[in-house]
Amino acid sequence: MESGSGLDEADDSESGEEDIARKSRLIDKKRERDSQAAADDLQTNIQTNIQDESDEFTLPTKQVSFLLLFLFEFML
């Protein structure tokens, strides 16, 4: 009977190892999905920021121009 219990222990050990390997693969797949989702979110945020940014340049108003002129003259 002892030899039978030894086989059961071997089967349990193999079953436990298979279970650990399966769980490890599931964890790896989840990490990969999470990483891909984070990369997709980052790409979306970058695209949104680029679209929101304005490339237009506006000249300063008269008040700002006057202040800049005053400061420039004061510096000389």
Protein backbone atom coordinates (compact mmCIF):
# COMPACT_ATOMS: atom_id res chain seq x y z
CA MET A 1 0.00 0.00 0.00
CA GLU A 2 2.89 2.31 0.59
CA SER A 3 3.78 2.33 -3.08
CA GLY A 4 0.22 3.42 -3.90
CA SER A 5 0.39 6.34 -1.51
CA GLY A 6 3.71 7.36 -3.07
CA LEU A 7 2.08 7.55 -6.49
CA ASP A 8 -0.76 9.62 -5.07
CA GLU A 9 1.77 12.05 -3.61
CA ALA A 10 3.54 12.25 -7.00
CA ASP A 11 0.23 12.89 -8.73
CA ASP A 12 -0.62 15.57 -6.16
CA SER A 13 2.80 17.15 -6.65
CA GLU A 14 2.41 17.19 -10.44
CA SER A 15 -1.11 18.53 -10.11
CA GLY A 16 0.14 21.26 -7.77
CA GLU A 17 2.95 22.17 -10.17
CA GLU A 18 0.50 22.31 -13.09
CA ASP A 19 -1.80 24.51 -11.02
CA ILE A 20 1.06 26.87 -10.17
CA ALA A 21 2.14 27.01 -13.82
CA ARG A 22 -1.46 27.73 -14.90
CA LYS A 23 -1.81 30.50 -12.32
CA SER A 24 1.54 31.95 -13.40
CA ARG A 25 0.41 32.05 -17.04
CA LEU A 26 -2.86 33.74 -16.02
CA ILE A 27 -0.94 36.36 -14.02
CA ASP A 28 1.41 36.99 -16.96
CA LYS A 29 -1.54 37.39 -19.36
CA LYS A 30 -3.25 39.82 -16.97
CA ARG A 31 -0.06 41.87 -16.62
CA GLU A 32 0.30 41.98 -20.40
CA ARG A 33 -3.32 43.13 -20.83
CA ASP A 34 -2.90 45.76 -18.11
CA SER A 35 0.33 46.98 -19.66
CA GLN A 36 -1.29 47.20 -23.10
CA ALA A 37 -4.29 49.05 -21.66
CA ALA A 38 -1.98 51.53 -19.92
CA ALA A 39 -0.05 52.08 -23.16
CA ASP A 40 -3.32 52.63 -25.05
CA ASP A 41 -4.51 55.12 -22.42
CA LEU A 42 -1.20 56.98 -22.61
CA GLN A 43 -1.40 57.15 -26.41
CA THR A 44 -4.96 58.46 -26.19
CA ASN A 45 -3.92 61.13 -23.68
CA ILE A 46 -1.02 62.20 -25.87
CA GLN A 47 -3.28 62.50 -28.92
CA THR A 48 -5.84 64.49 -26.91
CA ASN A 49 -3.16 66.86 -25.62
CA ILE A 50 -1.80 67.40 -29.11
CA GLN A 51 -5.27 68.15 -30.47
CA ASP A 52 -6.05 70.54 -27.59
CA GLU A 53 -2.85 72.52 -28.09
CA SER A 54 -3.22 75.61 -30.21
CA ASP A 55 -0.52 76.50 -32.71
CA GLU A 56 -1.86 80.01 -33.10
CA PHE A 57 0.35 82.92 -32.15
CA THR A 58 -1.27 86.14 -31.02
CA LEU A 59 0.49 89.45 -30.83
CA PRO A 60 0.50 91.22 -27.48
CA THR A 61 -2.19 93.79 -26.82
CA LYS A 62 -1.42 97.51 -26.72
CA GLN A 63 -1.19 97.48 -22.91
CA VAL A 64 1.37 94.67 -22.95
CA SER A 65 3.30 96.37 -25.73
CA PHE A 66 3.35 99.60 -23.73
CA LEU A 67 4.61 97.78 -20.61
CA LEU A 68 7.31 95.98 -22.58
CA LEU A 69 8.43 99.24 -24.14
CA PHE A 70 8.49 100.92 -20.71
CA LEU A 71 10.52 98.07 -19.19
CA PHE A 72 12.91 98.05 -22.11
CA GLU A 73 13.54 101.77 -21.78
CA PHE A 74 13.91 101.43 -18.00
CA MET A 75 16.56 98.74 -18.46
CA LEU A 76 18.69 101.03 -20.66
